[in-house]
Amino acid sequence: MNQIETYCCDATTLTTELDGYNYFFLFNPFDAEICEKVFAEICNSMDRKKRKVRLILVYPTAWKEALNTGRFRLIAQMGVDLYQRAVDIFESI
């Protein structure tokens, strides 16, 4: 069964709650420092429960932080025009 949940909380405090998910949708995510913490927890979750994970970042501001984990690769980009990326999709390696 498919499951969608929304969390309204400090994203840096989520840990084992992440273990049940394969897709993470972040709309205009946080600044780089917070994204690093969130991505680190997603990576920790992938270590606890081996699986393929995708990050969907809408109006991405911290795409470099996703790549800098060494655990994700960019698989798709969609834009609204030539100058603005609207969506980046990353997949775990």
Foldseek 3Di string as FASTA:
>chain_A
DDDDDDDDDLLLPDALVLLVDQEAEAEADDAQVSVLSNLVRNVVSCVVPPDKHKYKYFQDDHPVSNVVVVFKDWDDWPPPDPPGTGITMIMGD
